N, C-alpha and C. Protein backbone atom coordinates (compact mmCIF):
# COMPACT_ATOMS: atom_id res chain seq x y z
N MET A 1 0.85 -1.17 0.00
CA MET A 1 0.00 0.00 0.00
C MET A 1 0.90 1.24 0.00
N GLN A 2 0.61 2.16 -0.89
CA GLN A 2 1.37 3.40 -0.95
C GLN A 2 0.71 4.45 -0.06
N ASN A 3 1.54 5.35 0.47
CA ASN A 3 1.06 6.45 1.29
C ASN A 3 0.93 7.72 0.46
N VAL A 4 -0.05 8.52 0.78
CA VAL A 4 -0.23 9.81 0.14
C VAL A 4 -0.71 10.79 1.20
N PHE A 5 -0.27 12.04 1.10
CA PHE A 5 -0.65 13.08 2.06
C PHE A 5 -1.65 14.02 1.42
N VAL A 6 -2.72 14.33 2.16
CA VAL A 6 -3.73 15.30 1.70
C VAL A 6 -3.96 16.29 2.83
N SER A 7 -3.84 17.57 2.51
CA SER A 7 -4.07 18.60 3.53
C SER A 7 -5.47 19.19 3.37
N ASN A 8 -5.94 19.81 4.44
CA ASN A 8 -7.27 20.44 4.47
C ASN A 8 -8.36 19.47 3.98
N VAL A 9 -8.38 18.30 4.56
CA VAL A 9 -9.24 17.23 4.07
C VAL A 9 -10.73 17.48 4.26
N LEU A 10 -11.09 18.42 5.10
CA LEU A 10 -12.51 18.70 5.29
C LEU A 10 -12.99 19.89 4.46
N GLU A 11 -12.10 20.44 3.65
CA GLU A 11 -12.45 21.60 2.82
C GLU A 11 -12.12 21.33 1.36
N TYR A 12 -12.63 22.20 0.49
CA TYR A 12 -12.30 22.17 -0.93
C TYR A 12 -12.57 20.78 -1.52
N THR A 13 -11.58 20.23 -2.17
CA THR A 13 -11.74 18.91 -2.79
C THR A 13 -11.34 17.78 -1.85
N GLY A 14 -10.89 18.12 -0.65
CA GLY A 14 -10.40 17.12 0.30
C GLY A 14 -11.29 15.92 0.51
N PRO A 15 -12.58 16.12 0.81
CA PRO A 15 -13.43 14.95 1.08
C PRO A 15 -13.48 13.96 -0.08
N GLY A 16 -13.64 14.45 -1.28
CA GLY A 16 -13.71 13.57 -2.45
C GLY A 16 -12.38 12.90 -2.74
N VAL A 17 -11.30 13.65 -2.60
CA VAL A 17 -9.97 13.10 -2.86
C VAL A 17 -9.66 11.97 -1.87
N VAL A 18 -9.95 12.19 -0.60
CA VAL A 18 -9.68 11.16 0.41
C VAL A 18 -10.50 9.91 0.12
N ASP A 19 -11.76 10.06 -0.22
CA ASP A 19 -12.61 8.90 -0.51
C ASP A 19 -12.07 8.09 -1.69
N VAL A 20 -11.71 8.77 -2.77
CA VAL A 20 -11.21 8.08 -3.96
C VAL A 20 -9.89 7.37 -3.66
N LEU A 21 -8.97 8.06 -3.01
CA LEU A 21 -7.67 7.47 -2.72
C LEU A 21 -7.79 6.27 -1.77
N SER A 22 -8.60 6.41 -0.74
CA SER A 22 -8.73 5.31 0.23
C SER A 22 -9.38 4.09 -0.42
N ARG A 23 -10.34 4.30 -1.31
CA ARG A 23 -10.96 3.17 -2.03
C ARG A 23 -10.01 2.55 -3.05
N SER A 24 -9.00 3.33 -3.47
CA SER A 24 -8.03 2.85 -4.45
C SER A 24 -6.83 2.21 -3.77
N ASN A 25 -6.98 1.88 -2.50
CA ASN A 25 -5.98 1.15 -1.72
C ASN A 25 -4.72 1.96 -1.41
N TYR A 26 -4.88 3.27 -1.26
CA TYR A 26 -3.80 4.11 -0.73
C TYR A 26 -4.04 4.31 0.75
N GLN A 27 -2.98 4.44 1.51
CA GLN A 27 -3.11 4.89 2.89
C GLN A 27 -3.02 6.40 2.83
N VAL A 28 -4.08 7.08 3.25
CA VAL A 28 -4.17 8.52 3.12
C VAL A 28 -3.84 9.16 4.47
N ILE A 29 -2.74 9.92 4.48
CA ILE A 29 -2.33 10.65 5.67
C ILE A 29 -3.00 12.02 5.58
N CYS A 30 -3.84 12.33 6.54
CA CYS A 30 -4.73 13.48 6.44
C CYS A 30 -4.41 14.58 7.45
N HIS A 31 -4.44 15.81 6.96
CA HIS A 31 -4.26 17.00 7.79
C HIS A 31 -5.53 17.84 7.68
N ASP A 32 -5.92 18.42 8.79
CA ASP A 32 -6.97 19.43 8.81
C ASP A 32 -6.81 20.27 10.07
N ARG A 33 -7.17 21.53 9.98
CA ARG A 33 -7.06 22.41 11.16
C ARG A 33 -7.85 21.89 12.34
N SER A 34 -8.96 21.21 12.07
CA SER A 34 -9.81 20.72 13.16
C SER A 34 -9.20 19.51 13.89
N PHE A 35 -8.15 18.91 13.35
CA PHE A 35 -7.58 17.71 13.96
C PHE A 35 -6.72 18.00 15.18
N THR A 36 -6.64 19.26 15.58
CA THR A 36 -6.01 19.55 16.88
C THR A 36 -6.91 19.07 18.01
N ASP A 37 -8.19 18.89 17.71
CA ASP A 37 -9.15 18.33 18.66
C ASP A 37 -9.05 16.81 18.59
N PRO A 38 -8.59 16.16 19.67
CA PRO A 38 -8.41 14.71 19.64
C PRO A 38 -9.67 13.93 19.26
N LYS A 39 -10.83 14.41 19.66
CA LYS A 39 -12.07 13.72 19.34
C LYS A 39 -12.36 13.76 17.84
N LYS A 40 -12.17 14.92 17.23
CA LYS A 40 -12.40 15.04 15.79
C LYS A 40 -11.40 14.20 15.01
N ARG A 41 -10.15 14.22 15.46
CA ARG A 41 -9.11 13.44 14.80
C ARG A 41 -9.42 11.94 14.90
N ALA A 42 -9.80 11.48 16.08
CA ALA A 42 -10.12 10.07 16.28
C ALA A 42 -11.32 9.64 15.45
N GLU A 43 -12.31 10.51 15.37
CA GLU A 43 -13.50 10.21 14.56
C GLU A 43 -13.13 10.05 13.09
N TYR A 44 -12.31 10.96 12.58
CA TYR A 44 -11.92 10.90 11.17
C TYR A 44 -11.03 9.68 10.91
N ASP A 45 -10.25 9.34 11.89
CA ASP A 45 -9.31 8.22 11.80
C ASP A 45 -10.02 6.87 11.63
N GLN A 46 -11.31 6.82 11.85
CA GLN A 46 -12.07 5.57 11.75
C GLN A 46 -12.31 5.14 10.30
N LYS A 47 -12.07 6.03 9.35
CA LYS A 47 -12.27 5.69 7.94
C LYS A 47 -11.23 4.66 7.51
N ASP A 48 -11.59 3.83 6.57
CA ASP A 48 -10.65 2.83 6.04
C ASP A 48 -9.48 3.50 5.34
N ASN A 49 -8.28 2.99 5.59
CA ASN A 49 -7.05 3.44 4.93
C ASN A 49 -6.74 4.92 5.19
N VAL A 50 -7.16 5.44 6.32
CA VAL A 50 -6.98 6.86 6.64
C VAL A 50 -6.27 7.01 7.98
N VAL A 51 -5.31 7.94 8.03
CA VAL A 51 -4.65 8.31 9.28
C VAL A 51 -4.73 9.82 9.39
N ALA A 52 -5.35 10.31 10.45
CA ALA A 52 -5.45 11.75 10.69
C ALA A 52 -4.31 12.17 11.61
N ILE A 53 -3.62 13.25 11.22
CA ILE A 53 -2.50 13.74 12.04
C ILE A 53 -2.88 15.07 12.69
N ALA A 54 -2.30 15.33 13.86
CA ALA A 54 -2.60 16.53 14.62
C ALA A 54 -1.73 17.72 14.21
N ALA A 55 -0.59 17.46 13.60
CA ALA A 55 0.38 18.51 13.29
C ALA A 55 -0.24 19.64 12.47
N GLN A 56 0.23 20.86 12.74
CA GLN A 56 -0.29 22.03 12.02
C GLN A 56 0.81 22.85 11.33
N SER A 57 1.96 22.96 11.92
CA SER A 57 3.03 23.75 11.29
C SER A 57 3.72 22.90 10.22
N ARG A 58 4.35 23.56 9.26
CA ARG A 58 5.07 22.82 8.22
C ARG A 58 6.10 21.87 8.81
N GLU A 59 6.81 22.35 9.81
CA GLU A 59 7.85 21.54 10.43
C GLU A 59 7.28 20.30 11.10
N ASN A 60 6.19 20.48 11.84
CA ASN A 60 5.58 19.35 12.54
C ASN A 60 4.91 18.37 11.57
N ILE A 61 4.32 18.90 10.52
CA ILE A 61 3.73 18.02 9.50
C ILE A 61 4.83 17.19 8.85
N ALA A 62 5.93 17.84 8.47
CA ALA A 62 7.05 17.12 7.85
C ALA A 62 7.59 16.05 8.78
N SER A 63 7.67 16.36 10.06
CA SER A 63 8.16 15.39 11.03
C SER A 63 7.24 14.17 11.11
N GLU A 64 5.94 14.40 11.14
CA GLU A 64 5.00 13.27 11.18
C GLU A 64 5.03 12.47 9.89
N LEU A 65 5.19 13.15 8.76
CA LEU A 65 5.22 12.45 7.48
C LEU A 65 6.44 11.56 7.33
N GLU A 66 7.53 11.92 8.00
CA GLU A 66 8.72 11.08 7.98
C GLU A 66 8.41 9.67 8.47
N ASN A 67 7.48 9.56 9.41
CA ASN A 67 7.08 8.25 9.94
C ASN A 67 6.42 7.37 8.89
N PHE A 68 5.93 8.00 7.82
CA PHE A 68 5.25 7.26 6.75
C PHE A 68 6.10 7.21 5.48
N GLY A 69 7.34 7.67 5.58
CA GLY A 69 8.23 7.64 4.42
C GLY A 69 7.90 8.68 3.37
N LEU A 70 7.24 9.77 3.76
CA LEU A 70 6.81 10.78 2.80
C LEU A 70 7.62 12.07 2.83
N ALA A 71 8.43 12.28 3.81
CA ALA A 71 9.16 13.55 3.92
C ALA A 71 10.13 13.72 2.76
N GLY A 72 10.27 14.95 2.31
CA GLY A 72 11.22 15.27 1.28
C GLY A 72 10.77 14.95 -0.13
N ARG A 73 9.50 14.61 -0.31
CA ARG A 73 9.00 14.30 -1.66
C ARG A 73 8.27 15.46 -2.25
């Protein structure tokens, strides 16, 4: 399974993109401003092939993405 990062998943094209990618057997690493709330993050995390991250700054997002082999791409 390949990993892909999508930011602002609850806005713009995010919801549709996440649905298509997760159904296409990608693990979708998801960012959204609302994911600083642990309850919202945990709720979103229940979707198949989806991981919601809490990070908000570029540096913290990059650090979390390193765990999925996505940093520097």
